[in-house]
Amino acid sequence: MLDTLTKAVFVVSVLVAIVCMQSLWRGRYHTSKKIFWTLFLFVPVMGPILYAGLFEPPPVKPKNEQPEFDPASRRWK
C-alpha cells in the first residue's frame, strides 16, 4: 500500500512541477533564475512546495493596463 501511495505522491509532484515550470519559463525572469527554479522544482514533493512558498510571481497589472479581449476576432487587443 505504501509503495502505491509513494508512487502517486511522486507522480502528482512531477505534474505540479511541470505546471509551475511552464509559468516560470513564460515569465520575464533572468535565465539563471529560471534554470535554478527548474532544477529545484524536480526535487520530489519539496520542490513544488518551496517554489509555491518562496517564488515571487509577477504583480497583477492594473485594470486599465490589461489588454481587452475581442470576442468577435477571438484575440486580445
N, C-alpha and C. Protein backbone atom coordinates (compact mmCIF):
# COMPACT_ATOMS: atom_id res chain seq x y z
N MET A 1 0.82 -1.20 0.00
CA MET A 1 0.00 0.00 0.00
C MET A 1 0.86 1.26 0.00
N LEU A 2 1.87 1.28 0.84
CA LEU A 2 2.73 2.46 0.92
C LEU A 2 3.46 2.69 -0.40
N ASP A 3 3.83 1.62 -1.05
CA ASP A 3 4.53 1.74 -2.32
C ASP A 3 3.65 2.45 -3.36
N THR A 4 2.38 2.11 -3.41
CA THR A 4 1.45 2.73 -4.34
C THR A 4 1.23 4.19 -3.98
N LEU A 5 1.12 4.48 -2.70
CA LEU A 5 0.94 5.85 -2.24
C LEU A 5 2.18 6.69 -2.56
N THR A 6 3.35 6.15 -2.38
CA THR A 6 4.59 6.85 -2.70
C THR A 6 4.66 7.18 -4.19
N LYS A 7 4.28 6.23 -5.02
CA LYS A 7 4.28 6.46 -6.46
C LYS A 7 3.28 7.55 -6.84
N ALA A 8 2.11 7.54 -6.22
CA ALA A 8 1.08 8.54 -6.52
C ALA A 8 1.55 9.94 -6.12
N VAL A 9 2.16 10.06 -4.95
CA VAL A 9 2.67 11.35 -4.50
C VAL A 9 3.77 11.84 -5.43
N PHE A 10 4.63 10.95 -5.87
CA PHE A 10 5.70 11.33 -6.78
C PHE A 10 5.14 11.81 -8.12
N VAL A 11 4.15 11.11 -8.66
CA VAL A 11 3.55 11.49 -9.94
C VAL A 11 2.87 12.86 -9.82
N VAL A 12 2.14 13.07 -8.75
CA VAL A 12 1.47 14.37 -8.54
C VAL A 12 2.52 15.47 -8.41
N SER A 13 3.60 15.20 -7.71
CA SER A 13 4.68 16.18 -7.55
C SER A 13 5.29 16.56 -8.89
N VAL A 14 5.52 15.57 -9.74
CA VAL A 14 6.08 15.85 -11.06
C VAL A 14 5.10 16.66 -11.91
N LEU A 15 3.82 16.34 -11.85
CA LEU A 15 2.83 17.08 -12.62
C LEU A 15 2.74 18.54 -12.16
N VAL A 16 2.77 18.76 -10.86
CA VAL A 16 2.76 20.13 -10.32
C VAL A 16 4.03 20.86 -10.75
N ALA A 17 5.16 20.18 -10.74
CA ALA A 17 6.42 20.80 -11.16
C ALA A 17 6.35 21.22 -12.62
N ILE A 18 5.75 20.41 -13.46
CA ILE A 18 5.63 20.75 -14.89
C ILE A 18 4.75 21.98 -15.08
N VAL A 19 3.64 22.06 -14.36
CA VAL A 19 2.76 23.22 -14.46
C VAL A 19 3.48 24.49 -13.99
N CYS A 20 4.18 24.38 -12.86
CA CYS A 20 4.93 25.54 -12.35
C CYS A 20 6.04 25.95 -13.31
N MET A 21 6.69 24.98 -13.91
CA MET A 21 7.78 25.28 -14.83
C MET A 21 7.27 26.01 -16.07
N GLN A 22 6.10 25.66 -16.55
CA GLN A 22 5.55 26.35 -17.71
C GLN A 22 5.32 27.83 -17.40
N SER A 23 4.75 28.13 -16.26
CA SER A 23 4.53 29.54 -15.92
C SER A 23 5.85 30.25 -15.66
N LEU A 24 6.81 29.55 -15.11
CA LEU A 24 8.13 30.13 -14.85
C LEU A 24 8.81 30.54 -16.14
N TRP A 25 8.83 29.66 -17.13
CA TRP A 25 9.55 29.94 -18.37
C TRP A 25 8.81 30.92 -19.28
N ARG A 26 7.51 31.12 -19.06
CA ARG A 26 6.78 32.12 -19.83
C ARG A 26 6.98 33.53 -19.28
N GLY A 27 7.44 33.62 -18.04
CA GLY A 27 7.65 34.91 -17.40
C GLY A 27 8.91 35.60 -17.89
N ARG A 28 9.04 36.84 -17.53
CA ARG A 28 10.21 37.64 -17.93
C ARG A 28 11.22 37.68 -16.79
N TYR A 29 11.79 36.54 -16.49
CA TYR A 29 12.77 36.44 -15.42
C TYR A 29 14.13 36.18 -16.04
N HIS A 30 15.17 36.45 -15.26
CA HIS A 30 16.53 36.21 -15.72
C HIS A 30 16.73 34.71 -15.93
N THR A 31 17.52 34.35 -16.92
CA THR A 31 17.73 32.94 -17.27
C THR A 31 18.29 32.14 -16.10
N SER A 32 19.19 32.73 -15.33
CA SER A 32 19.76 31.99 -14.20
C SER A 32 18.68 31.65 -13.16
N LYS A 33 17.74 32.56 -12.95
CA LYS A 33 16.64 32.29 -12.02
C LYS A 33 15.75 31.17 -12.56
N LYS A 34 15.50 31.16 -13.87
CA LYS A 34 14.69 30.12 -14.49
C LYS A 34 15.36 28.75 -14.35
N ILE A 35 16.66 28.70 -14.61
CA ILE A 35 17.38 27.43 -14.52
C ILE A 35 17.40 26.92 -13.09
N PHE A 36 17.68 27.81 -12.11
CA PHE A 36 17.70 27.41 -10.71
C PHE A 36 16.38 26.81 -10.29
N TRP A 37 15.28 27.51 -10.56
CA TRP A 37 13.97 27.03 -10.13
C TRP A 37 13.54 25.79 -10.90
N THR A 38 13.94 25.67 -12.16
CA THR A 38 13.61 24.45 -12.92
C THR A 38 14.26 23.24 -12.27
N LEU A 39 15.54 23.34 -11.92
CA LEU A 39 16.22 22.22 -11.26
C LEU A 39 15.61 21.94 -9.89
N PHE A 40 15.29 22.99 -9.18
CA PHE A 40 14.75 22.85 -7.83
C PHE A 40 13.34 22.24 -7.84
N LEU A 41 12.57 22.53 -8.89
CA LEU A 41 11.20 22.02 -8.95
C LEU A 41 11.11 20.50 -9.00
N PHE A 42 12.14 19.86 -9.53
CA PHE A 42 12.07 18.42 -9.69
C PHE A 42 12.61 17.65 -8.48
N VAL A 43 12.82 18.34 -7.35
CA VAL A 43 13.07 17.64 -6.10
C VAL A 43 11.69 17.15 -5.65
N PRO A 44 11.48 15.84 -5.56
CA PRO A 44 10.14 15.33 -5.27
C PRO A 44 9.51 15.97 -4.02
N VAL A 45 8.29 16.36 -4.16
CA VAL A 45 7.41 16.94 -3.15
C VAL A 45 7.92 18.30 -2.65
N MET A 46 9.12 18.39 -2.15
CA MET A 46 9.61 19.64 -1.56
C MET A 46 9.84 20.73 -2.61
N GLY A 47 10.23 20.37 -3.82
CA GLY A 47 10.46 21.37 -4.85
C GLY A 47 9.24 22.22 -5.13
N PRO A 48 8.10 21.62 -5.50
CA PRO A 48 6.89 22.43 -5.73
C PRO A 48 6.41 23.18 -4.50
N ILE A 49 6.57 22.59 -3.32
CA ILE A 49 6.13 23.28 -2.10
C ILE A 49 6.97 24.52 -1.85
N LEU A 50 8.28 24.40 -1.95
CA LEU A 50 9.14 25.56 -1.74
C LEU A 50 8.99 26.59 -2.86
N TYR A 51 8.77 26.13 -4.08
CA TYR A 51 8.53 27.06 -5.19
C TYR A 51 7.29 27.91 -4.89
N ALA A 52 6.22 27.27 -4.45
CA ALA A 52 4.98 27.99 -4.15
C ALA A 52 5.17 28.96 -3.00
N GLY A 53 6.02 28.61 -2.05
CA GLY A 53 6.20 29.46 -0.89
C GLY A 53 7.25 30.55 -1.04
N LEU A 54 8.25 30.33 -1.90
CA LEU A 54 9.36 31.27 -1.98
C LEU A 54 9.42 32.07 -3.28
N PHE A 55 8.88 31.55 -4.36
CA PHE A 55 8.97 32.24 -5.64
C PHE A 55 8.02 33.43 -5.66
N GLU A 56 8.46 34.53 -6.24
CA GLU A 56 7.65 35.74 -6.29
C GLU A 56 6.99 35.85 -7.66
N PRO A 57 5.69 35.62 -7.75
CA PRO A 57 5.01 35.77 -9.04
C PRO A 57 4.93 37.25 -9.43
N PRO A 58 4.79 37.53 -10.70
CA PRO A 58 4.71 38.93 -11.12
C PRO A 58 3.44 39.58 -10.59
N PRO A 59 3.48 40.88 -10.34
CA PRO A 59 2.28 41.55 -9.84
C PRO A 59 1.21 41.64 -10.92
N VAL A 60 -0.03 41.71 -10.50
CA VAL A 60 -1.14 41.83 -11.42
C VAL A 60 -1.17 43.27 -11.95
N LYS A 61 -1.34 43.40 -13.26
CA LYS A 61 -1.41 44.73 -13.86
C LYS A 61 -2.72 45.40 -13.48
N PRO A 62 -2.69 46.73 -13.36
CA PRO A 62 -3.95 47.44 -13.12
C PRO A 62 -4.92 47.21 -14.27
N LYS A 63 -6.21 47.31 -13.99
CA LYS A 63 -7.25 47.02 -14.98
C LYS A 63 -7.06 47.84 -16.26
N ASN A 64 -6.64 49.10 -16.14
CA ASN A 64 -6.50 49.95 -17.33
C ASN A 64 -5.29 49.57 -18.18
N GLU A 65 -4.36 48.76 -17.66
CA GLU A 65 -3.19 48.33 -18.44
C GLU A 65 -3.36 46.93 -19.02
N GLN A 66 -4.42 46.24 -18.66
CA GLN A 66 -4.65 44.89 -19.17
C GLN A 66 -5.24 44.96 -20.57
N PRO A 67 -4.84 44.05 -21.46
CA PRO A 67 -5.42 44.04 -22.80
C PRO A 67 -6.88 43.60 -22.76
N GLU A 68 -7.64 44.08 -23.71
CA GLU A 68 -9.05 43.70 -23.80
C GLU A 68 -9.21 42.55 -24.78
N PHE A 69 -10.14 41.66 -24.49
CA PHE A 69 -10.41 40.52 -25.36
C PHE A 69 -11.55 40.87 -26.29
N ASP A 70 -11.32 40.65 -27.59
CA ASP A 70 -12.35 40.91 -28.59
C ASP A 70 -13.01 39.57 -28.95
N PRO A 71 -14.24 39.32 -28.50
CA PRO A 71 -14.88 38.03 -28.76
C PRO A 71 -15.10 37.76 -30.24
N ALA A 72 -15.30 38.81 -31.04
CA ALA A 72 -15.56 38.61 -32.47
C ALA A 72 -14.36 38.01 -33.17
N SER A 73 -13.17 38.54 -32.88
CA SER A 73 -11.96 38.03 -33.54
C SER A 73 -11.26 36.95 -32.69
N ARG A 74 -11.74 36.77 -31.45
CA ARG A 74 -11.15 35.81 -30.52
C ARG A 74 -9.67 36.09 -30.27
N ARG A 75 -9.35 37.37 -30.16
CA ARG A 75 -7.98 37.80 -29.92
C ARG A 75 -7.93 38.89 -28.87
N TRP A 76 -6.76 39.06 -28.31
CA TRP A 76 -6.54 40.16 -27.37
C TRP A 76 -6.16 41.40 -28.13
N LYS A 77 -6.71 42.55 -27.74
CA LYS A 77 -6.38 43.81 -28.40
C LYS A 77 -5.09 44.36 -27.88
